[in-house]
Amino acid sequence: MLQRGFSEQPVHSLMTASNKDEEIIERFLDALWLEHGLSENTLKAYRADLCALSHHLDKQSTHLATVRPQHLHSFLHALFQKNVSARTVARCLSTFRRFYRYLLRQNEIAADPSAEISAPKLGRPLPSSLTEQEVSDLLTAPDTGSDLGLRDRAMLETLYATGLRVSELVNLRTNELDINSGVVRVMGKGGKERLVPLGESAIEYLWRYMKQARTDLLRGRQSDAVFITKRAQPMTRQAFWQMIKRYGLAAGIRAPLSPHTLRHAFATHLLNHGADLRSVQMLLGHSDLSTTQIYTHVAQERLKKLHEQHHPRG
């Protein structure tokens, strides 16, 4: 078995695969890692889905390599009975399709049992976002008189100015940040690189943080991470998640907050101010324009509300 660069800790589901299925799941994950370089979290999600299916099949005295369409139907139906969302069911089916295409290529099965199963219809949920005033309140919540407060302000300003994914933000390295030119070089999903402009406010707080707070936090220690803790370690996703929720409470923001909320606000506010969809797609690092199009629904909803409020016959 290949060492994929992460420990095999239990995933969110507590279910484990049967002994017959464990080895085939690991071979599949190794192949995914080698061929596509998928992230740790993605591989864990695939493993969780396949372990859950294996656990279900074990009760029916079968296993992954001998599954038939009716077994998959039974498993997916069981998920619906547990009130699992259609989106989660669709993700499971996507995992199974990829898994059985792999087994088919390896000549371990004669036919793909997932081929004829239709995915559940998904709605288009509107991403939660913030008003421009709420964003302003959030950005000004940190106390920039302290080193950690200045770091936090620089992180929030950068996130809102660029629309980075939280993983892209916390993994940012000093050689990817060009404050003088006002751009950041981001290595996104699938190893795709993009240049994103920073904006004046983000540049100001990044410059202050890099010149003052970061140097104080390092205390002579070395790190190539842009955003560091008082122990000179890179910021983690979990720590940043907690930080943004803390500042949201301090700013009196009642809407649910996550790092992704600022990414949504970035896209929505750009569109509200006249940016074209293709430009927003490039800034967000979406490979497919259809992924970005959901933000047009957000902007349209706001335009409808403005029309209702201010038009004499709205």
C-alpha atoms as a PDB file:
ATOM      1  CA  MET A   1       0.000   0.000   0.000  1.00  0.00           C
ATOM      2  CA  LEU A   2       1.326   3.454  -0.895  1.00  0.00           C
ATOM      3  CA  GLN A   3       1.883   6.074   1.770  1.00  0.00           C
ATOM      4  CA  ARG A   4      -0.273   8.929   0.535  1.00  0.00           C
ATOM      5  CA  GLY A   5       1.065  11.561   2.882  1.00  0.00           C
ATOM      6  CA  PHE A   6      -1.616  11.433   5.579  1.00  0.00           C
ATOM      7  CA  SER A   7      -2.440   9.194   8.518  1.00  0.00           C
ATOM      8  CA  GLU A   8      -5.329   6.776   8.142  1.00  0.00           C
ATOM      9  CA  GLN A   9      -7.469   8.269  10.897  1.00  0.00           C
ATOM     10  CA  PRO A  10     -11.176   7.406  11.138  1.00  0.00           C
ATOM     11  CA  VAL A  11     -13.266   9.641   8.922  1.00  0.00           C
ATOM     12  CA  HIS A  12     -16.541  11.314   9.929  1.00  0.00           C
ATOM     13  CA  SER A  13     -18.455   8.089   9.405  1.00  0.00           C
ATOM     14  CA  LEU A  14     -17.595   5.469  12.018  1.00  0.00           C
ATOM     15  CA  MET A  15     -18.329   2.648   9.577  1.00  0.00           C
ATOM     16  CA  THR A  16     -15.472   0.463   8.417  1.00  0.00           C
ATOM     17  CA  ALA A  17     -15.157  -1.666   5.316  1.00  0.00           C
ATOM     18  CA  SER A  18     -15.317  -5.432   5.417  1.00  0.00           C
ATOM     19  CA  ASN A  19     -12.054  -7.320   5.164  1.00  0.00           C
ATOM     20  CA  LYS A  20     -12.797  -8.231   1.542  1.00  0.00           C
ATOM     21  CA  ASP A  21     -13.362  -4.612   0.613  1.00  0.00           C
ATOM     22  CA  GLU A  22     -10.580  -2.918   2.583  1.00  0.00           C
ATOM     23  CA  GLU A  23      -7.801  -3.853   0.174  1.00  0.00           C
ATOM     24  CA  ILE A  24      -9.711  -2.872  -2.976  1.00  0.00           C
ATOM     25  CA  ILE A  25     -10.662   0.509  -1.479  1.00  0.00           C
ATOM     26  CA  GLU A  26      -7.024   1.228  -0.653  1.00  0.00           C
ATOM     27  CA  ARG A  27      -5.905   0.328  -4.171  1.00  0.00           C
ATOM     28  CA  PHE A  28      -8.544   2.664  -5.594  1.00  0.00           C
ATOM     29  CA  LEU A  29      -7.445   5.542  -3.315  1.00  0.00           C
ATOM     30  CA  ASP A  30      -3.792   4.936  -4.201  1.00  0.00           C
ATOM     31  CA  ALA A  31      -4.677   5.132  -7.898  1.00  0.00           C
ATOM     32  CA  LEU A  32      -6.592   8.392  -7.363  1.00  0.00           C
ATOM     33  CA  TRP A  33      -3.703   9.908  -5.460  1.00  0.00           C
ATOM     34  CA  LEU A  34      -1.136   8.881  -8.095  1.00  0.00           C
ATOM     35  CA  GLU A  35      -3.190   9.888 -11.131  1.00  0.00           C
ATOM     36  CA  HIS A  36      -4.928  13.034  -9.917  1.00  0.00           C
ATOM     37  CA  GLY A  37      -3.126  14.217  -6.775  1.00  0.00           C
ATOM     38  CA  LEU A  38      -6.393  14.621  -4.883  1.00  0.00           C
ATOM     39  CA  SER A  39      -6.319  16.288  -1.478  1.00  0.00           C
ATOM     40  CA  GLU A  40      -6.381  14.479   1.859  1.00  0.00           C
ATOM     41  CA  ASN A  41      -9.927  15.626   2.578  1.00  0.00           C
ATOM     42  CA  THR A  42     -11.198  14.443  -0.818  1.00  0.00           C
ATOM     43  CA  LEU A  43      -9.612  11.021  -0.402  1.00  0.00           C
ATOM     44  CA  LYS A  44     -11.097  10.709   3.072  1.00  0.00           C
ATOM     45  CA  ALA A  45     -14.540  11.553   1.684  1.00  0.00           C
ATOM     46  CA  TYR A  46     -14.195   8.833  -0.978  1.00  0.00           C
ATOM     47  CA  ARG A  47     -13.117   6.349   1.656  1.00  0.00           C
ATOM     48  CA  ALA A  48     -16.030   7.238   3.954  1.00  0.00           C
ATOM     49  CA  ASP A  49     -18.571   6.749   1.146  1.00  0.00           C
ATOM     50  CA  LEU A  50     -17.116   3.387   0.119  1.00  0.00           C
ATOM     51  CA  CYS A  51     -16.844   2.160   3.716  1.00  0.00           C
ATOM     52  CA  ALA A  52     -20.489   3.057   4.306  1.00  0.00           C
ATOM     53  CA  LEU A  53     -21.501   1.111   1.192  1.00  0.00           C
ATOM     54  CA  SER A  54     -19.314  -1.840   2.197  1.00  0.00           C
ATOM     55  CA  HIS A  55     -20.921  -1.895   5.647  1.00  0.00           C
ATOM     56  CA  HIS A  56     -24.363  -1.921   4.021  1.00  0.00           C
ATOM     57  CA  LEU A  57     -23.401  -4.717   1.606  1.00  0.00           C
ATOM     58  CA  ASP A  58     -21.907  -6.845   4.360  1.00  0.00           C
ATOM     59  CA  LYS A  59     -25.384  -7.177   5.879  1.00  0.00           C
ATOM     60  CA  GLN A  60     -26.533  -8.582   2.535  1.00  0.00           C
ATOM     61  CA  SER A  61     -23.648 -11.055   2.323  1.00  0.00           C
ATOM     62  CA  THR A  62     -22.052  -9.371  -0.659  1.00  0.00           C
ATOM     63  CA  HIS A  63     -19.165  -6.980  -1.229  1.00  0.00           C
ATOM     64  CA  LEU A  64     -18.024  -4.137  -3.465  1.00  0.00           C
ATOM     65  CA  ALA A  65     -16.700  -6.187  -6.391  1.00  0.00           C
ATOM     66  CA  THR A  66     -19.892  -8.265  -6.724  1.00  0.00           C
ATOM     67  CA  VAL A  67     -22.434  -5.497  -6.223  1.00  0.00           C
ATOM     68  CA  ARG A  68     -25.425  -5.190  -8.539  1.00  0.00           C
ATOM     69  CA  PRO A  69     -27.537  -2.116  -9.379  1.00  0.00           C
ATOM     70  CA  GLN A  70     -30.247  -3.172  -6.928  1.00  0.00           C
ATOM     71  CA  HIS A  71     -27.689  -3.128  -4.102  1.00  0.00           C
ATOM     72  CA  LEU A  72     -26.757   0.465  -4.911  1.00  0.00           C
ATOM     73  CA  HIS A  73     -30.439   1.408  -5.161  1.00  0.00           C
ATOM     74  CA  SER A  74     -30.985  -0.150  -1.743  1.00  0.00           C
ATOM     75  CA  PHE A  75     -28.107   1.790  -0.197  1.00  0.00           C
ATOM     76  CA  LEU A  76     -29.150   5.139  -1.690  1.00  0.00           C
ATOM     77  CA  HIS A  77     -32.756   4.551  -0.668  1.00  0.00           C
ATOM     78  CA  ALA A  78     -31.567   3.888   2.889  1.00  0.00           C
ATOM     79  CA  LEU A  79     -29.798   7.256   2.870  1.00  0.00           C
ATOM     80  CA  PHE A  80     -32.994   9.036   1.839  1.00  0.00           C
ATOM     81  CA  GLN A  81     -34.884   7.258   4.638  1.00  0.00           C
ATOM     82  CA  LYS A  82     -32.351   8.716   7.085  1.00  0.00           C
ATOM     83  CA  ASN A  83     -33.166  12.205   5.707  1.00  0.00           C
ATOM     84  CA  VAL A  84     -29.713  12.569   4.154  1.00  0.00           C
ATOM     85  CA  SER A  85     -29.695  15.523   1.741  1.00  0.00           C
ATOM     86  CA  ALA A  86     -29.985  15.007  -2.013  1.00  0.00           C
ATOM     87  CA  ARG A  87     -26.609  16.684  -2.414  1.00  0.00           C
ATOM     88  CA  THR A  88     -24.933  14.127  -0.152  1.00  0.00           C
ATOM     89  CA  VAL A  89     -26.655  11.247  -1.957  1.00  0.00           C
ATOM     90  CA  ALA A  90     -25.469  12.643  -5.298  1.00  0.00           C
ATOM     91  CA  ARG A  91     -21.922  12.897  -3.952  1.00  0.00           C
ATOM     92  CA  CYS A  92     -22.032   9.247  -2.840  1.00  0.00           C
ATOM     93  CA  LEU A  93     -23.240   8.170  -6.269  1.00  0.00           C
ATOM     94  CA  SER A  94     -20.421  10.173  -7.877  1.00  0.00           C
ATOM     95  CA  THR A  95     -17.934   8.309  -5.661  1.00  0.00           C
ATOM     96  CA  PHE A  96     -19.393   4.953  -6.648  1.00  0.00           C
ATOM     97  CA  ARG A  97     -19.304   5.794 -10.352  1.00  0.00           C
ATOM     98  CA  ARG A  98     -15.651   6.716 -10.160  1.00  0.00           C
ATOM     99  CA  PHE A  99     -14.879   3.608  -8.138  1.00  0.00           C
ATOM    100  CA  TYR A 100     -16.634   1.220 -10.531  1.00  0.00           C
ATOM    101  CA  ARG A 101     -15.110   2.849 -13.601  1.00  0.00           C
ATOM    102  CA  TYR A 102     -11.762   2.119 -11.975  1.00  0.00           C
ATOM    103  CA  LEU A 103     -12.679  -1.551 -11.369  1.00  0.00           C
ATOM    104  CA  LEU A 104     -13.908  -1.803 -14.959  1.00  0.00           C
ATOM    105  CA  ARG A 105     -10.570  -0.494 -16.276  1.00  0.00           C
ATOM    106  CA  GLN A 106      -8.779  -3.013 -14.081  1.00  0.00           C
ATOM    107  CA  ASN A 107     -10.948  -5.835 -15.521  1.00  0.00           C
ATOM    108  CA  GLU A 108     -12.127  -6.706 -12.015  1.00  0.00           C
ATOM    109  CA  ILE A 109     -15.802  -6.395 -12.955  1.00  0.00           C
ATOM    110  CA  ALA A 110     -17.635  -7.082 -16.223  1.00  0.00           C
ATOM    111  CA  ALA A 111     -20.116  -4.192 -16.028  1.00  0.00           C
ATOM    112  CA  ASP A 112     -20.515  -0.938 -14.114  1.00  0.00           C
ATOM    113  CA  PRO A 113     -23.429  -1.355 -11.653  1.00  0.00           C
ATOM    114  CA  SER A 114     -23.722   2.419 -11.195  1.00  0.00           C
ATOM    115  CA  ALA A 115     -24.076   3.253 -14.901  1.00  0.00           C
ATOM    116  CA  GLU A 116     -27.867   3.166 -15.082  1.00  0.00           C
ATOM    117  CA  ILE A 117     -28.585   4.859 -11.745  1.00  0.00           C
ATOM    118  CA  SER A 118     -29.811   8.445 -12.017  1.00  0.00           C
ATOM    119  CA  ALA A 119     -28.547  11.081  -9.633  1.00  0.00           C
ATOM    120  CA  PRO A 120     -31.147  12.884  -7.509  1.00  0.00           C
ATOM    121  CA  LYS A 121     -32.191  16.297  -8.764  1.00  0.00           C
ATOM    122  CA  LEU A 122     -30.464  19.074  -6.898  1.00  0.00           C
ATOM    123  CA  GLY A 123     -31.756  22.522  -6.237  1.00  0.00           C
ATOM    124  CA  ARG A 124     -29.539  25.543  -6.633  1.00  0.00           C
ATOM    125  CA  PRO A 125     -29.046  26.819  -3.080  1.00  0.00           C
ATOM    126  CA  LEU A 126     -28.108  30.458  -2.901  1.00  0.00           C
ATOM    127  CA  PRO A 127     -24.756  30.935  -1.157  1.00  0.00           C
ATOM    128  CA  SER A 128     -25.057  32.833   2.119  1.00  0.00           C
ATOM    129  CA  SER A 129     -23.417  36.211   1.855  1.00  0.00           C
ATOM    130  CA  LEU A 130     -23.010  39.476   3.746  1.00  0.00           C
ATOM    131  CA  THR A 131     -24.025  43.038   2.988  1.00  0.00           C
ATOM    132  CA  GLU A 132     -21.248  45.495   2.273  1.00  0.00           C
ATOM    133  CA  GLN A 133     -21.871  47.125   5.649  1.00  0.00           C
ATOM    134  CA  GLU A 134     -21.592  43.765   7.419  1.00  0.00           C
ATOM    135  CA  VAL A 135     -18.303  43.099   5.645  1.00  0.00           C
ATOM    136  CA  SER A 136     -17.034  46.529   6.718  1.00  0.00           C
ATOM    137  CA  ASP A 137     -18.046  45.803  10.322  1.00  0.00           C
ATOM    138  CA  LEU A 138     -16.297  42.434  10.206  1.00  0.00           C
ATOM    139  CA  LEU A 139     -13.088  43.821   8.717  1.00  0.00           C
ATOM    140  CA  THR A 140     -12.806  46.544  11.349  1.00  0.00           C
ATOM    141  CA  ALA A 141     -13.457  44.182  14.303  1.00  0.00           C
ATOM    142  CA  PRO A 142      -9.800  43.178  14.978  1.00  0.00           C
ATOM    143  CA  ASP A 143      -7.696  45.403  17.241  1.00  0.00           C
ATOM    144  CA  THR A 144      -4.887  46.439  14.914  1.00  0.00           C
ATOM    145  CA  GLY A 145      -2.929  47.809  17.870  1.00  0.00           C
ATOM    146  CA  SER A 146      -1.782  44.246  18.640  1.00  0.00           C
ATOM    147  CA  ASP A 147       0.335  41.950  16.482  1.00  0.00           C
ATOM    148  CA  LEU A 148      -2.351  39.255  16.343  1.00  0.00           C
ATOM    149  CA  GLY A 149      -5.074  41.795  15.635  1.00  0.00           C
ATOM    150  CA  LEU A 150      -3.052  43.260  12.770  1.00  0.00           C
ATOM    151  CA  ARG A 151      -2.493  39.762  11.380  1.00  0.00           C
ATOM    152  CA  ASP A 152      -6.213  39.026  11.616  1.00  0.00           C
ATOM    153  CA  ARG A 153      -7.130  42.277   9.871  1.00  0.00           C
ATOM    154  CA  ALA A 154      -4.643  41.510   7.095  1.00  0.00           C
ATOM    155  CA  MET A 155      -6.134  38.023   6.657  1.00  0.00           C
ATOM    156  CA  LEU A 156      -9.714  39.273   6.517  1.00  0.00           C
ATOM    157  CA  GLU A 157      -8.820  42.083   4.104  1.00  0.00           C
ATOM    158  CA  THR A 158      -6.937  39.638   1.874  1.00  0.00           C
ATOM    159  CA  LEU A 159      -9.778  37.129   1.880  1.00  0.00           C
ATOM    160  CA  TYR A 160     -12.390  39.731   0.936  1.00  0.00           C
ATOM    161  CA  ALA A 161     -10.135  41.414  -1.632  1.00  0.00           C
ATOM    162  CA  THR A 162      -9.231  38.209  -3.455  1.00  0.00           C
ATOM    163  CA  GLY A 163     -12.003  35.670  -2.827  1.00  0.00           C
ATOM    164  CA  LEU A 164      -9.421  33.003  -2.006  1.00  0.00           C
ATOM    165  CA  ARG A 165     -10.479  29.640  -0.648  1.00  0.00           C
ATOM    166  CA  VAL A 166      -9.562  29.336   3.025  1.00  0.00           C
ATOM    167  CA  SER A 167      -7.020  26.604   2.210  1.00  0.00           C
ATOM    168  CA  GLU A 168      -5.406  28.924  -0.342  1.00  0.00           C
ATOM    169  CA  LEU A 169      -5.249  31.712   2.231  1.00  0.00           C
ATOM    170  CA  VAL A 170      -3.649  29.751   5.067  1.00  0.00           C
ATOM    171  CA  ASN A 171      -1.229  28.000   2.692  1.00  0.00           C
ATOM    172  CA  LEU A 172      -0.040  31.273   1.156  1.00  0.00           C
ATOM    173  CA  ARG A 173       3.753  31.555   1.073  1.00  0.00           C
ATOM    174  CA  THR A 174       5.895  34.678   1.108  1.00  0.00           C
ATOM    175  CA  ASN A 175       7.236  34.061  -2.415  1.00  0.00           C
ATOM    176  CA  GLU A 176       3.633  34.050  -3.708  1.00  0.00           C
ATOM    177  CA  LEU A 177       2.860  37.494  -2.307  1.00  0.00           C
ATOM    178  CA  ASP A 178       3.982  40.588  -4.262  1.00  0.00           C
ATOM    179  CA  ILE A 179       2.829  43.592  -2.260  1.00  0.00           C
ATOM    180  CA  ASN A 180       4.712  46.076  -4.455  1.00  0.00           C
ATOM    181  CA  SER A 181       2.852  44.893  -7.560  1.00  0.00           C
ATOM    182  CA  GLY A 182      -0.370  44.401  -5.610  1.00  0.00           C
ATOM    183  CA  VAL A 183      -0.956  40.787  -6.650  1.00  0.00           C
ATOM    184  CA  VAL A 184      -0.953  37.358  -5.081  1.00  0.00           C
ATOM    185  CA  ARG A 185      -0.044  34.171  -6.939  1.00  0.00           C
ATOM    186  CA  VAL A 186      -2.379  31.354  -5.934  1.00  0.00           C
ATOM    187  CA  MET A 187      -1.988  27.637  -6.536  1.00  0.00           C
ATOM    188  CA  GLY A 188      -5.594  26.462  -6.668  1.00  0.00           C
ATOM    189  CA  LYS A 189      -7.407  23.174  -7.157  1.00  0.00           C
ATOM    190  CA  GLY A 190      -5.796  20.758  -9.576  1.00  0.00           C
ATOM    191  CA  GLY A 191      -2.484  22.636  -9.351  1.00  0.00           C
ATOM    192  CA  LYS A 192      -3.857  25.516 -11.449  1.00  0.00           C
ATOM    193  CA  GLU A 193      -2.099  28.822 -10.865  1.00  0.00           C
ATOM    194  CA  ARG A 194      -3.765  32.219 -11.044  1.00  0.00           C
ATOM    195  CA  LEU A 195      -2.813  35.823 -10.285  1.00  0.00           C
ATOM    196  CA  VAL A 196      -5.303  37.799  -8.213  1.00  0.00           C
ATOM    197  CA  PRO A 197      -5.109  41.569  -7.530  1.00  0.00           C
ATOM    198  CA  LEU A 198      -5.145  42.622  -3.877  1.00  0.00           C
ATOM    199  CA  GLY A 199      -6.715  46.079  -3.757  1.00  0.00           C
ATOM    200  CA  GLU A 200      -5.559  49.128  -1.794  1.00  0.00           C
ATOM    201  CA  SER A 201      -6.933  48.221   1.633  1.00  0.00           C
ATOM    202  CA  ALA A 202      -5.528  44.677   1.569  1.00  0.00           C
ATOM    203  CA  ILE A 203      -2.161  46.013   0.387  1.00  0.00           C
ATOM    204  CA  GLU A 204      -2.072  48.526   3.245  1.00  0.00           C
ATOM    205  CA  TYR A 205      -2.735  45.970   5.989  1.00  0.00           C
ATOM    206  CA  LEU A 206      -0.543  43.303   4.431  1.00  0.00           C
ATOM    207  CA  TRP A 207       2.346  45.767   4.264  1.00  0.00           C
ATOM    208  CA  ARG A 208       1.864  46.763   7.914  1.00  0.00           C
ATOM    209  CA  TYR A 209       1.555  43.153   8.999  1.00  0.00           C
ATOM    210  CA  MET A 210       4.607  41.931   7.068  1.00  0.00           C
ATOM    211  CA  LYS A 211       6.810  44.823   8.225  1.00  0.00           C
ATOM    212  CA  GLN A 212       5.698  44.922  11.836  1.00  0.00           C
ATOM    213  CA  ALA A 213       3.509  42.166  13.311  1.00  0.00           C
ATOM    214  CA  ARG A 214       4.927  39.173  11.432  1.00  0.00           C
ATOM    215  CA  THR A 215       8.481  40.096  12.376  1.00  0.00           C
ATOM    216  CA  ASP A 216       7.466  40.375  16.030  1.00  0.00           C
ATOM    217  CA  LEU A 217       5.626  37.043  15.915  1.00  0.00           C
ATOM    218  CA  LEU A 218       8.611  35.274  14.346  1.00  0.00           C
ATOM    219  CA  ARG A 219      11.069  36.486  17.032  1.00  0.00           C
ATOM    220  CA  GLY A 220      13.986  35.454  14.881  1.00  0.00           C
ATOM    221  CA  ARG A 221      12.480  32.112  13.882  1.00  0.00           C
ATOM    222  CA  GLN A 222      12.075  31.114  10.241  1.00  0.00           C
ATOM    223  CA  SER A 223       8.857  30.461   8.312  1.00  0.00           C
ATOM    224  CA  ASP A 224       7.825  30.915   4.689  1.00  0.00           C
ATOM    225  CA  ALA A 225       4.118  31.038   5.597  1.00  0.00           C
ATOM    226  CA  VAL A 226       2.614  34.501   5.205  1.00  0.00           C
ATOM    227  CA  PHE A 227       0.162  34.163   8.091  1.00  0.00           C
ATOM    228  CA  ILE A 228       1.635  32.683  11.272  1.00  0.00           C
ATOM    229  CA  THR A 229       0.676  32.118  14.899  1.00  0.00           C
ATOM    230  CA  LYS A 230       2.524  33.447  17.947  1.00  0.00           C
ATOM    231  CA  ARG A 231       4.445  30.149  17.876  1.00  0.00           C
ATOM    232  CA  ALA A 232       5.674  31.015  14.364  1.00  0.00           C
ATOM    233  CA  GLN A 233       3.595  28.155  12.930  1.00  0.00           C
ATOM    234  CA  PRO A 234       1.349  28.537   9.859  1.00  0.00           C
ATOM    235  CA  MET A 235      -2.267  29.415  10.606  1.00  0.00           C
ATOM    236  CA  THR A 236      -4.629  26.450  10.280  1.00  0.00           C
ATOM    237  CA  ARG A 237      -8.039  26.340   8.659  1.00  0.00           C
ATOM    238  CA  GLN A 238      -9.631  25.476  11.985  1.00  0.00           C
ATOM    239  CA  ALA A 239      -7.985  28.389  13.807  1.00  0.00           C
ATOM    240  CA  PHE A 240      -9.039  30.825  11.097  1.00  0.00           C
ATOM    241  CA  TRP A 241     -12.591  29.439  11.155  1.00  0.00           C
ATOM    242  CA  GLN A 242     -12.815  30.104  14.896  1.00  0.00           C
ATOM    243  CA  MET A 243     -11.268  33.533  14.459  1.00  0.00           C
ATOM    244  CA  ILE A 244     -13.779  34.685  11.851  1.00  0.00           C
ATOM    245  CA  LYS A 245     -16.710  33.488  13.970  1.00  0.00           C
ATOM    246  CA  ARG A 246     -15.292  35.375  16.979  1.00  0.00           C
ATOM    247  CA  TYR A 247     -15.020  38.619  15.043  1.00  0.00           C
ATOM    248  CA  GLY A 248     -18.475  38.088  13.590  1.00  0.00           C
ATOM    249  CA  LEU A 249     -19.927  37.985  17.097  1.00  0.00           C
ATOM    250  CA  ALA A 250     -17.927  41.075  18.078  1.00  0.00           C
ATOM    251  CA  ALA A 251     -19.266  42.909  15.002  1.00  0.00           C
ATOM    252  CA  GLY A 252     -22.859  41.949  15.830  1.00  0.00           C
ATOM    253  CA  ILE A 253     -23.329  39.892  12.671  1.00  0.00           C
ATOM    254  CA  ARG A 254     -26.159  37.422  13.168  1.00  0.00           C
ATOM    255  CA  ALA A 255     -25.804  35.559   9.870  1.00  0.00           C
ATOM    256  CA  PRO A 256     -23.896  32.237   9.998  1.00  0.00           C
ATOM    257  CA  LEU A 257     -20.239  32.957   9.297  1.00  0.00           C
ATOM    258  CA  SER A 258     -17.459  30.902   7.799  1.00  0.00           C
ATOM    259  CA  PRO A 259     -14.367  31.751   5.736  1.00  0.00           C
ATOM    260  CA  HIS A 260     -16.404  30.777   2.657  1.00  0.00           C
ATOM    261  CA  THR A 261     -18.917  33.525   3.485  1.00  0.00           C
ATOM    262  CA  LEU A 262     -16.347  36.190   2.582  1.00  0.00           C
ATOM    263  CA  ARG A 263     -15.590  34.358  -0.664  1.00  0.00           C
ATOM    264  CA  HIS A 264     -19.301  34.507  -1.486  1.00  0.00           C
ATOM    265  CA  ALA A 265     -19.411  38.184  -0.530  1.00  0.00           C
ATOM    266  CA  PHE A 266     -16.412  38.888  -2.768  1.00  0.00           C
ATOM    267  CA  ALA A 267     -18.155  37.354  -5.800  1.00  0.00           C
ATOM    268  CA  THR A 268     -21.577  38.815  -5.061  1.00  0.00           C
ATOM    269  CA  HIS A 269     -20.330  42.355  -4.477  1.00  0.00           C
ATOM    270  CA  LEU A 270     -18.244  42.287  -7.647  1.00  0.00           C
ATOM    271  CA  LEU A 271     -21.291  41.288  -9.677  1.00  0.00           C
ATOM    272  CA  ASN A 272     -23.468  43.864  -7.924  1.00  0.00           C
ATOM    273  CA  HIS A 273     -20.969  46.541  -8.966  1.00  0.00           C
ATOM    274  CA  GLY A 274     -20.961  45.487 -12.610  1.00  0.00           C
ATOM    275  CA  ALA A 275     -18.220  42.875 -12.952  1.00  0.00           C
ATOM    276  CA  ASP A 276     -18.768  40.333 -15.714  1.00  0.00           C
ATOM    277  CA  LEU A 277     -19.209  36.676 -14.871  1.00  0.00           C
ATOM    278  CA  ARG A 278     -16.131  35.494 -16.775  1.00  0.00           C
ATOM    279  CA  SER A 279     -13.846  37.813 -14.789  1.00  0.00           C
ATOM    280  CA  VAL A 280     -15.325  36.616 -11.506  1.00  0.00           C
ATOM    281  CA  GLN A 281     -14.812  33.036 -12.658  1.00  0.00           C
ATOM    282  CA  MET A 282     -11.103  33.693 -13.249  1.00  0.00           C
ATOM    283  CA  LEU A 283     -10.659  35.447  -9.902  1.00  0.00           C
ATOM    284  CA  LEU A 284     -12.362  32.631  -7.994  1.00  0.00           C
ATOM    285  CA  GLY A 285     -10.360  29.967  -9.810  1.00  0.00           C
ATOM    286  CA  HIS A 286     -13.438  28.090 -11.067  1.00  0.00           C
ATOM    287  CA  SER A 287     -12.583  25.777 -13.958  1.00  0.00           C
ATOM    288  CA  ASP A 288     -16.191  25.769 -15.179  1.00  0.00           C
ATOM    289  CA  LEU A 289     -18.285  28.901 -15.700  1.00  0.00           C
ATOM    290  CA  SER A 290     -21.405  27.034 -14.568  1.00  0.00           C
ATOM    291  CA  THR A 291     -19.924  26.889 -11.055  1.00  0.00           C
ATOM    292  CA  THR A 292     -19.753  30.689 -10.995  1.00  0.00           C
ATOM    293  CA  GLN A 293     -23.219  31.236 -12.447  1.00  0.00           C
ATOM    294  CA  ILE A 294     -24.895  30.570  -9.116  1.00  0.00           C
ATOM    295  CA  TYR A 295     -23.720  34.010  -8.004  1.00  0.00           C
ATOM    296  CA  THR A 296     -25.837  35.648 -10.684  1.00  0.00           C
ATOM    297  CA  HIS A 297     -28.870  34.336  -8.811  1.00  0.00           C
ATOM    298  CA  VAL A 298     -27.657  36.093  -5.666  1.00  0.00           C
ATOM    299  CA  ALA A 299     -27.240  39.373  -7.521  1.00  0.00           C
ATOM    300  CA  GLN A 300     -30.633  38.988  -9.215  1.00  0.00           C
ATOM    301  CA  GLU A 301     -32.372  38.404  -5.880  1.00  0.00           C
ATOM    302  CA  ARG A 302     -30.879  41.620  -4.528  1.00  0.00           C
ATOM    303  CA  LEU A 303     -31.904  43.546  -7.616  1.00  0.00           C
ATOM    304  CA  LYS A 304     -35.473  42.267  -7.198  1.00  0.00           C
ATOM    305  CA  LYS A 305     -35.555  43.446  -3.581  1.00  0.00           C
ATOM    306  CA  LEU A 306     -34.175  46.861  -4.568  1.00  0.00           C
ATOM    307  CA  HIS A 307     -36.812  47.122  -7.278  1.00  0.00           C
ATOM    308  CA  GLU A 308     -39.588  46.208  -4.857  1.00  0.00           C
ATOM    309  CA  GLN A 309     -38.377  48.718  -2.293  1.00  0.00           C
ATOM    310  CA  HIS A 310     -37.720  51.708  -4.530  1.00  0.00           C
ATOM    311  CA  HIS A 311     -39.746  51.399  -7.742  1.00  0.00           C
ATOM    312  CA  PRO A 312     -43.083  53.274  -7.582  1.00  0.00           C
ATOM    313  CA  ARG A 313     -44.877  50.163  -8.902  1.00  0.00           C
ATOM    314  CA  GLY A 314     -42.518  47.579  -7.415  1.00  0.00           C
END
